[in-house]
């Protein structure tokens, strides 16, 4: 049973990684629909395709958070601050620092090239520095900086859970998710390492643990499948609303803007994500996806750079003379496969360097963990 449940969650990790790539690939065409900067012209063809790929993939970040919470909060060893912080820094923190440096360097190089080619100015250099300072050295890295706050809070959550008991914690979790939804949906945050932002996403983190605990007693493929379908149907509804608002913002549908929000903490997206996660937690899958799943974190880190390069190649060679109905799925598959290959290569190189030079341990000693 345990192996099957791990397979369920491993599969969800892989699907969520592909969904993140889908979001960032389709974002290019959504931004090009709204402005000329992407391809040098507006991209208006088949906007419904871009919207569908984008919105139907929005469950990815919430599911990643619920997956983390499902396992971290279930391990009582993680209530030991030093043990958990040390483990988290080695697993997540070190790579966050390395990739922040790599993406910052890439952003600076891009800015310098833009200045040399006379398509940018010195302001682009300041923007790269500013993005690093607010915890967003590249557009996808915000998640890692937000996650730092959640990981800082995790041992306190486990201690709180043990203090009030599982039954009371179950009630607190859902109330907290509701409050998080309202707060995250209506608030703005200037920096991505804002502890307030982390606290909002902590709701997903705790709900992941609660759902995994409850569904372990009620495994059922049919019920799980129904929940997954309901979650995706909720996203389909959101996609229709988002498309309608985007193509006709002044046509009497402006009132749809609030409920059409596809941000991770908007009400309908919370419902869709929780349904999808709960559905996956209830189904049995015999195939082992563990090996591929183990690379999803590195795939997440790598994919954004590949997406950016693909976008620039497309803009340079094809402009808007291509069909997004074909290019988007081709891009998603290509970026995922290339990200996986680079993740495997990077991990092998990193493991050898870390074994030889003890880089992680030296960084731990540097921050006195």
Protein backbone atom coordinates (compact mmCIF):
# COMPACT_ATOMS: atom_id res chain seq x y z
CA UNK A 1 0.00 0.00 0.00
CA UNK A 2 2.75 2.45 0.90
CA UNK A 3 4.60 1.84 -2.37
CA UNK A 4 1.40 2.39 -4.33
CA UNK A 5 0.69 5.67 -2.52
CA UNK A 6 4.24 6.82 -3.14
CA UNK A 7 3.71 6.01 -6.82
CA UNK A 8 0.57 8.15 -6.80
CA UNK A 9 2.43 11.11 -5.41
CA UNK A 10 5.46 10.50 -7.63
CA UNK A 11 3.18 10.61 -10.66
CA UNK A 12 1.57 13.82 -9.39
CA UNK A 13 5.02 15.40 -8.99
CA UNK A 14 5.87 14.55 -12.60
CA UNK A 15 2.54 15.83 -13.90
CA UNK A 16 2.94 19.02 -11.85
CA UNK A 17 6.44 19.56 -13.27
CA UNK A 18 5.06 19.25 -16.81
CA UNK A 19 2.21 21.59 -15.84
CA UNK A 20 4.67 24.24 -14.63
CA UNK A 21 6.42 24.08 -18.01
CA UNK A 22 3.03 24.35 -19.71
CA UNK A 23 2.30 27.52 -17.73
CA UNK A 24 5.56 29.18 -18.67
CA UNK A 25 5.41 28.17 -22.33
CA UNK A 26 1.82 29.37 -22.75
CA UNK A 27 2.59 32.56 -20.77
CA UNK A 28 4.67 33.68 -23.73
CA UNK A 29 1.62 33.67 -26.00
CA UNK A 30 -0.65 35.22 -23.40
CA UNK A 31 1.81 38.08 -22.86
CA UNK A 32 2.17 38.44 -26.64
CA UNK A 33 -1.62 38.75 -26.87
CA UNK A 34 -1.46 41.65 -24.42
CA UNK A 35 1.69 43.42 -25.69
CA UNK A 36 4.20 43.63 -28.52
CA UNK A 37 7.43 42.99 -26.64
CA UNK A 38 7.51 39.21 -27.00
CA UNK A 39 7.48 38.73 -30.78
CA UNK A 40 7.68 42.35 -31.86
CA UNK A 41 3.99 42.18 -32.65
CA UNK A 42 0.76 41.09 -31.03
CA UNK A 43 0.04 37.36 -31.17
CA UNK A 44 -3.73 36.98 -31.44
CA UNK A 45 -4.13 33.62 -33.16
CA UNK A 46 -5.96 30.87 -31.29
CA UNK A 47 -5.81 32.67 -27.96
CA UNK A 48 -8.17 30.08 -26.51
CA UNK A 49 -5.39 27.48 -26.96
CA UNK A 50 -2.90 29.56 -24.97
CA UNK A 51 -5.52 30.14 -22.26
CA UNK A 52 -6.42 26.46 -22.02
CA UNK A 53 -2.82 25.29 -21.63
CA UNK A 54 -2.15 28.03 -19.11
CA UNK A 55 -5.19 27.78 -16.85
CA UNK A 56 -5.54 23.98 -16.91
CA UNK A 57 -1.98 23.76 -15.57
CA UNK A 58 -2.40 26.16 -12.65
CA UNK A 59 -2.86 23.35 -10.12
CA UNK A 60 0.90 22.70 -10.28
CA UNK A 61 2.22 25.08 -7.60
CA UNK A 62 -0.53 24.27 -5.06
CA UNK A 63 0.04 20.54 -5.60
CA UNK A 64 3.79 20.92 -5.14
CA UNK A 65 3.12 22.63 -1.82
CA UNK A 66 0.62 19.98 -0.72
CA UNK A 67 3.08 17.25 -1.67
CA UNK A 68 5.75 18.86 0.49
CA UNK A 69 3.44 19.27 3.45
CA UNK A 70 2.05 15.75 3.15
CA UNK A 71 5.43 14.22 3.93
CA UNK A 72 7.26 16.87 5.95
CA UNK A 73 4.52 17.31 8.54
CA UNK A 74 4.07 13.54 8.86
CA UNK A 75 7.68 13.02 9.98
CA UNK A 76 8.05 13.82 13.67
CA UNK A 77 11.82 14.06 13.31
CA UNK A 78 11.21 17.35 11.52
CA UNK A 79 10.10 19.02 14.74
CA UNK A 80 13.80 19.12 15.66
CA UNK A 81 14.81 22.51 14.29
CA UNK A 82 18.47 21.76 13.72
CA UNK A 83 17.77 18.40 12.07
CA UNK A 84 15.12 19.80 9.74
CA UNK A 85 16.89 23.04 8.83
CA UNK A 86 20.14 21.21 8.13
CA UNK A 87 18.40 18.62 5.94
CA UNK A 88 16.37 21.28 4.10
CA UNK A 89 19.39 23.48 3.47
CA UNK A 90 21.32 20.57 1.94
CA UNK A 91 18.37 19.42 -0.19
CA UNK A 92 16.87 22.76 -1.23
CA UNK A 93 18.87 25.71 0.08
CA UNK A 94 22.19 24.95 -1.58
CA UNK A 95 20.61 24.53 -5.02
CA UNK A 96 18.53 27.67 -4.53
CA UNK A 97 21.72 29.66 -3.92
CA UNK A 98 23.53 28.11 -6.88
CA UNK A 99 20.69 28.61 -9.35
CA UNK A 100 19.99 32.12 -8.07
CA UNK A 101 23.60 32.98 -8.92
CA UNK A 102 23.35 31.30 -12.33
CA UNK A 103 20.09 33.02 -13.29
CA UNK A 104 21.32 36.38 -11.98
CA UNK A 105 24.43 36.04 -14.13
CA UNK A 106 22.24 35.07 -17.10
CA UNK A 107 20.00 38.11 -16.53
CA UNK A 108 23.02 40.43 -16.33
CA UNK A 109 24.43 38.92 -19.52
CA UNK A 110 21.10 39.40 -21.26
CA UNK A 111 20.99 43.03 -20.15
CA UNK A 112 24.56 43.68 -21.37
CA UNK A 113 23.81 42.10 -24.75
CA UNK A 114 20.67 44.25 -25.05
CA UNK A 115 22.76 47.36 -24.39
CA UNK A 116 25.42 46.32 -26.93
CA UNK A 117 22.74 45.60 -29.55
CA UNK A 118 21.06 48.93 -28.69
CA UNK A 119 17.75 47.33 -27.83
CA UNK A 120 18.08 48.03 -24.10
CA UNK A 121 19.70 50.44 -21.63
CA UNK A 122 21.42 50.54 -18.25
CA UNK A 123 18.01 50.31 -16.57
CA UNK A 124 17.94 46.62 -17.54
CA UNK A 125 20.97 46.01 -15.32
CA UNK A 126 19.25 47.62 -12.35
CA UNK A 127 16.12 45.53 -13.00
CA UNK A 128 18.22 42.34 -12.77
CA UNK A 129 19.71 43.47 -9.45
CA UNK A 130 16.29 44.48 -8.13
CA UNK A 131 14.79 41.12 -9.07
CA UNK A 132 17.53 39.35 -7.14
CA UNK A 133 16.93 41.50 -4.07
CA UNK A 134 13.19 40.80 -3.99
CA UNK A 135 13.77 37.04 -4.26
CA UNK A 136 13.06 36.61 -7.95
CA UNK A 137 16.39 36.30 -9.80
CA UNK A 138 14.36 34.65 -12.56
CA UNK A 139 10.60 34.47 -12.88
CA UNK A 140 10.17 30.94 -11.51
CA UNK A 141 12.54 31.35 -8.56
CA UNK A 142 9.93 33.20 -6.49
CA UNK A 143 8.60 29.80 -5.44
CA UNK A 144 11.90 28.79 -3.82
CA UNK A 145 12.16 32.05 -1.86
CA UNK A 146 8.57 31.74 -0.70
CA UNK A 147 9.28 28.13 0.26
CA UNK A 148 12.10 29.24 2.59
CA UNK A 149 9.53 30.86 4.87
CA UNK A 150 7.34 27.76 4.86
CA UNK A 151 10.29 25.54 5.75
CA UNK A 152 11.23 27.90 8.58
CA UNK A 153 7.70 27.51 9.96
CA UNK A 154 7.39 23.73 9.43
CA UNK A 155 8.90 22.56 12.78
CA UNK A 156 6.63 25.00 14.64
CA UNK A 157 3.60 23.60 12.78
CA UNK A 158 4.52 20.03 13.76
CA UNK A 159 4.93 21.04 17.41
CA UNK A 160 1.63 22.92 17.30
CA UNK A 161 -0.07 19.85 15.79
CA UNK A 162 1.24 17.63 18.56
CA UNK A 163 0.23 20.17 21.18
CA UNK A 164 -3.44 20.54 20.18
CA UNK A 165 -3.96 17.00 18.85
CA UNK A 166 -4.87 15.66 15.42
CA UNK A 167 -8.62 16.31 15.70
CA UNK A 168 -8.23 19.98 16.57
CA UNK A 169 -5.45 20.38 14.03
CA UNK A 170 -7.79 19.08 11.32
CA UNK A 171 -10.21 21.92 12.07
CA UNK A 172 -7.46 24.53 12.20
CA UNK A 173 -6.03 23.40 8.85
CA UNK A 174 -9.19 24.09 6.85
CA UNK A 175 -9.90 27.36 8.63
CA UNK A 176 -6.32 28.42 7.97
CA UNK A 177 -6.62 27.55 4.27
CA UNK A 178 -9.78 29.67 4.04
CA UNK A 179 -8.06 32.62 5.72
CA UNK A 180 -4.97 32.08 3.53
CA UNK A 181 -7.14 32.10 0.43
CA UNK A 182 -8.80 35.39 1.40
CA UNK A 183 -5.50 36.99 2.38
CA UNK A 184 -3.51 35.77 -0.63
CA UNK A 185 -6.32 36.61 -3.05
CA UNK A 186 -6.72 40.18 -1.84
CA UNK A 187 -3.14 41.13 -0.88
CA UNK A 188 0.02 42.08 -2.73
CA UNK A 189 3.59 41.35 -1.68
CA UNK A 190 6.61 43.31 -2.86
CA UNK A 191 9.18 40.67 -1.97
CA UNK A 192 8.98 36.92 -2.46
CA UNK A 193 10.74 36.08 0.81
CA UNK A 194 8.05 37.97 2.72
CA UNK A 195 7.06 35.75 5.67
CA UNK A 196 3.47 36.94 5.16
CA UNK A 197 3.48 35.47 1.66
CA UNK A 198 4.87 32.20 3.03
CA UNK A 199 2.16 32.16 5.70
CA UNK A 200 -0.51 32.42 2.99
CA UNK A 201 0.86 29.41 1.12
CA UNK A 202 1.29 27.54 4.40
CA UNK A 203 -2.42 26.71 4.12
CA UNK A 204 -1.75 24.43 1.14
CA UNK A 205 1.24 22.92 2.96
CA UNK A 206 -0.89 21.90 5.95
CA UNK A 207 -3.84 20.71 3.87
CA UNK A 208 -1.54 18.35 1.97
CA UNK A 209 -0.74 16.57 5.23
CA UNK A 210 -4.40 16.48 6.27
CA UNK A 211 -5.63 15.05 2.95
CA UNK A 212 -2.94 12.37 2.86
CA UNK A 213 -3.77 11.33 6.42
CA UNK A 214 -7.53 11.13 5.76
CA UNK A 215 -7.43 9.41 2.38
CA UNK A 216 -5.05 6.68 3.56
CA UNK A 217 -8.12 5.06 5.11
CA UNK A 218 -10.36 5.50 2.06
CA UNK A 219 -8.41 4.41 -1.01
CA UNK A 220 -10.67 4.13 -4.05
CA UNK A 221 -9.76 4.53 -7.70
CA UNK A 222 -13.28 5.50 -8.74
CA UNK A 223 -13.67 8.19 -6.07
CA UNK A 224 -10.16 9.43 -6.76
CA UNK A 225 -10.84 9.65 -10.48
CA UNK A 226 -14.08 11.55 -9.88
CA UNK A 227 -12.29 14.08 -7.68
CA UNK A 228 -9.58 14.61 -10.29
CA UNK A 229 -12.21 15.14 -13.01
CA UNK A 230 -14.11 17.61 -10.82
CA UNK A 231 -10.88 19.51 -10.19
CA UNK A 232 -10.10 19.78 -13.89
CA UNK A 233 -13.70 20.77 -14.69
CA UNK A 234 -13.31 23.62 -12.20
CA UNK A 235 -10.21 24.70 -14.10
CA UNK A 236 -12.09 24.42 -17.40
CA UNK A 237 -14.70 26.81 -15.99
CA UNK A 238 -11.91 29.16 -14.93
CA UNK A 239 -10.33 28.93 -18.38
CA UNK A 240 -13.62 29.93 -20.03
CA UNK A 241 -13.99 32.90 -17.69
CA UNK A 242 -10.37 33.97 -18.17
CA UNK A 243 -10.68 33.77 -21.96
CA UNK A 244 -13.91 35.77 -21.93
CA UNK A 245 -12.42 38.53 -19.80
CA UNK A 246 -9.21 38.70 -21.87
CA UNK A 247 -10.86 38.95 -25.30
CA UNK A 248 -13.65 41.32 -24.24
CA UNK A 249 -12.54 43.28 -21.14
CA UNK A 250 -14.79 46.23 -21.92
CA UNK A 251 -17.77 44.27 -23.13
CA UNK A 252 -19.71 44.11 -19.91
CA UNK A 253 -17.79 41.20 -18.44
CA UNK A 254 -15.42 43.16 -16.20
CA UNK A 255 -17.35 41.86 -13.18
CA UNK A 256 -15.98 38.41 -14.02
CA UNK A 257 -12.42 39.56 -13.36
CA UNK A 258 -12.38 38.69 -9.66
CA UNK A 259 -13.82 35.20 -9.95
CA UNK A 260 -11.79 34.54 -13.11
CA UNK A 261 -8.54 34.99 -11.21
CA UNK A 262 -6.22 32.03 -11.73
CA UNK A 263 -3.69 32.94 -9.06
CA UNK A 264 -2.80 29.98 -6.78
CA UNK A 265 -4.76 31.41 -3.84
CA UNK A 266 -7.89 32.52 -5.71
CA UNK A 267 -11.02 30.68 -4.46
CA UNK A 268 -11.78 28.54 -7.51
CA UNK A 269 -8.13 27.62 -7.97
CA UNK A 270 -7.95 26.51 -4.34
CA UNK A 271 -10.99 24.29 -4.90
CA UNK A 272 -9.59 22.83 -8.14
CA UNK A 273 -6.14 22.15 -6.68
CA UNK A 274 -7.43 20.51 -3.50
CA UNK A 275 -9.76 18.27 -5.53
CA UNK A 276 -6.95 17.18 -7.85
CA UNK A 277 -4.57 16.48 -4.98
CA UNK A 278 -7.21 14.57 -3.03
CA UNK A 279 -8.03 12.54 -6.11
CA UNK A 280 -4.44 11.49 -6.67
CA UNK A 281 -4.06 10.62 -3.00
CA UNK A 282 -6.91 8.10 -3.28
CA UNK A 283 -5.89 6.11 -6.34
CA UNK A 284 -3.60 3.09 -6.55
CA UNK A 285 -0.89 3.04 -9.18
CA UNK A 286 1.40 0.04 -9.50
CA UNK A 287 4.02 1.49 -11.84
CA UNK A 288 7.09 2.96 -10.17
CA UNK A 289 7.73 6.60 -11.11
CA UNK A 290 10.26 7.20 -8.35
CA UNK A 291 13.35 7.70 -10.51
CA UNK A 292 11.82 10.37 -12.75
CA UNK A 293 10.05 11.97 -9.79
CA UNK A 294 13.37 12.41 -7.97
CA UNK A 295 14.49 14.85 -10.67
CA UNK A 296 11.42 17.11 -10.62
CA UNK A 297 13.05 19.68 -8.32
CA UNK A 298 16.03 20.07 -10.64
CA UNK A 299 13.73 20.05 -13.67
CA UNK A 300 11.87 22.96 -12.08
CA UNK A 301 15.10 24.85 -11.53
CA UNK A 302 16.44 24.24 -15.05
CA UNK A 303 13.36 24.59 -17.24
CA UNK A 304 12.92 28.36 -17.06
CA UNK A 305 16.24 29.08 -18.74
CA UNK A 306 15.42 26.65 -21.53
CA UNK A 307 11.97 28.22 -21.97
CA UNK A 308 13.54 31.67 -22.22
CA UNK A 309 16.03 30.56 -24.85
CA UNK A 310 13.30 28.82 -26.85
CA UNK A 311 11.18 31.97 -26.69
CA UNK A 312 14.01 34.13 -28.01
CA UNK A 313 14.81 31.69 -30.81
CA UNK A 314 11.15 31.60 -31.83
CA UNK A 315 10.89 35.40 -31.78
CA UNK A 316 14.09 35.77 -33.82
CA UNK A 317 13.41 33.18 -36.52
CA UNK A 318 9.64 32.81 -36.75
CA UNK A 319 8.14 35.91 -35.17
CA UNK A 320 4.39 35.43 -35.19
CA UNK A 321 4.40 33.27 -38.29
CA UNK A 322 3.69 30.00 -36.51
CA UNK A 323 0.71 28.15 -35.09
CA UNK A 324 0.54 28.00 -31.29
CA UNK A 325 -1.73 24.94 -31.52
CA UNK A 326 1.32 23.03 -32.77
CA UNK A 327 4.23 24.88 -31.20
CA UNK A 328 2.98 24.93 -27.59
CA UNK A 329 2.74 21.14 -27.13
CA UNK A 330 6.01 20.69 -29.05
CA UNK A 331 7.66 23.25 -26.75
CA UNK A 332 6.29 21.62 -23.60
CA UNK A 333 7.56 18.17 -24.56
CA UNK A 334 10.92 19.50 -25.79
CA UNK A 335 11.53 21.64 -22.70
CA UNK A 336 10.59 18.80 -20.35
CA UNK A 337 12.86 16.26 -22.06
CA UNK A 338 15.78 18.67 -22.32
CA UNK A 339 15.29 19.78 -18.70
CA UNK A 340 15.29 16.16 -17.57
CA UNK A 341 18.50 15.41 -19.48
CA UNK A 342 20.23 18.49 -18.07
CA UNK A 343 18.94 17.67 -14.57
CA UNK A 344 20.47 14.18 -14.77
CA UNK A 345 23.79 15.57 -16.02
CA UNK A 346 23.82 18.32 -13.42
CA UNK A 347 23.06 15.91 -10.56
CA UNK A 348 25.88 13.57 -11.55
CA UNK A 349 28.36 16.44 -11.75
CA UNK A 350 27.10 17.96 -8.50
CA UNK A 351 27.25 14.67 -6.60
CA UNK A 352 30.86 14.12 -7.66
CA UNK A 353 31.88 17.67 -6.73
CA UNK A 354 30.01 17.52 -3.42
CA UNK A 355 31.57 14.18 -2.53
CA UNK A 356 35.05 15.43 -3.40
CA UNK A 357 34.92 18.92 -1.92
CA UNK A 358 32.07 18.60 0.65
CA UNK A 359 30.51 21.81 -0.70
CA UNK A 360 27.19 21.35 1.12
CA UNK A 361 28.87 20.71 4.48
CA UNK A 362 31.13 23.73 4.07
CA UNK A 363 28.11 25.94 3.33
CA UNK A 364 26.35 24.51 6.37
CA UNK A 365 29.30 25.35 8.58
CA UNK A 366 29.41 28.81 7.08
CA UNK A 367 25.90 29.55 8.33
CA UNK A 368 26.49 27.59 11.59
CA UNK A 369 23.83 24.92 11.02
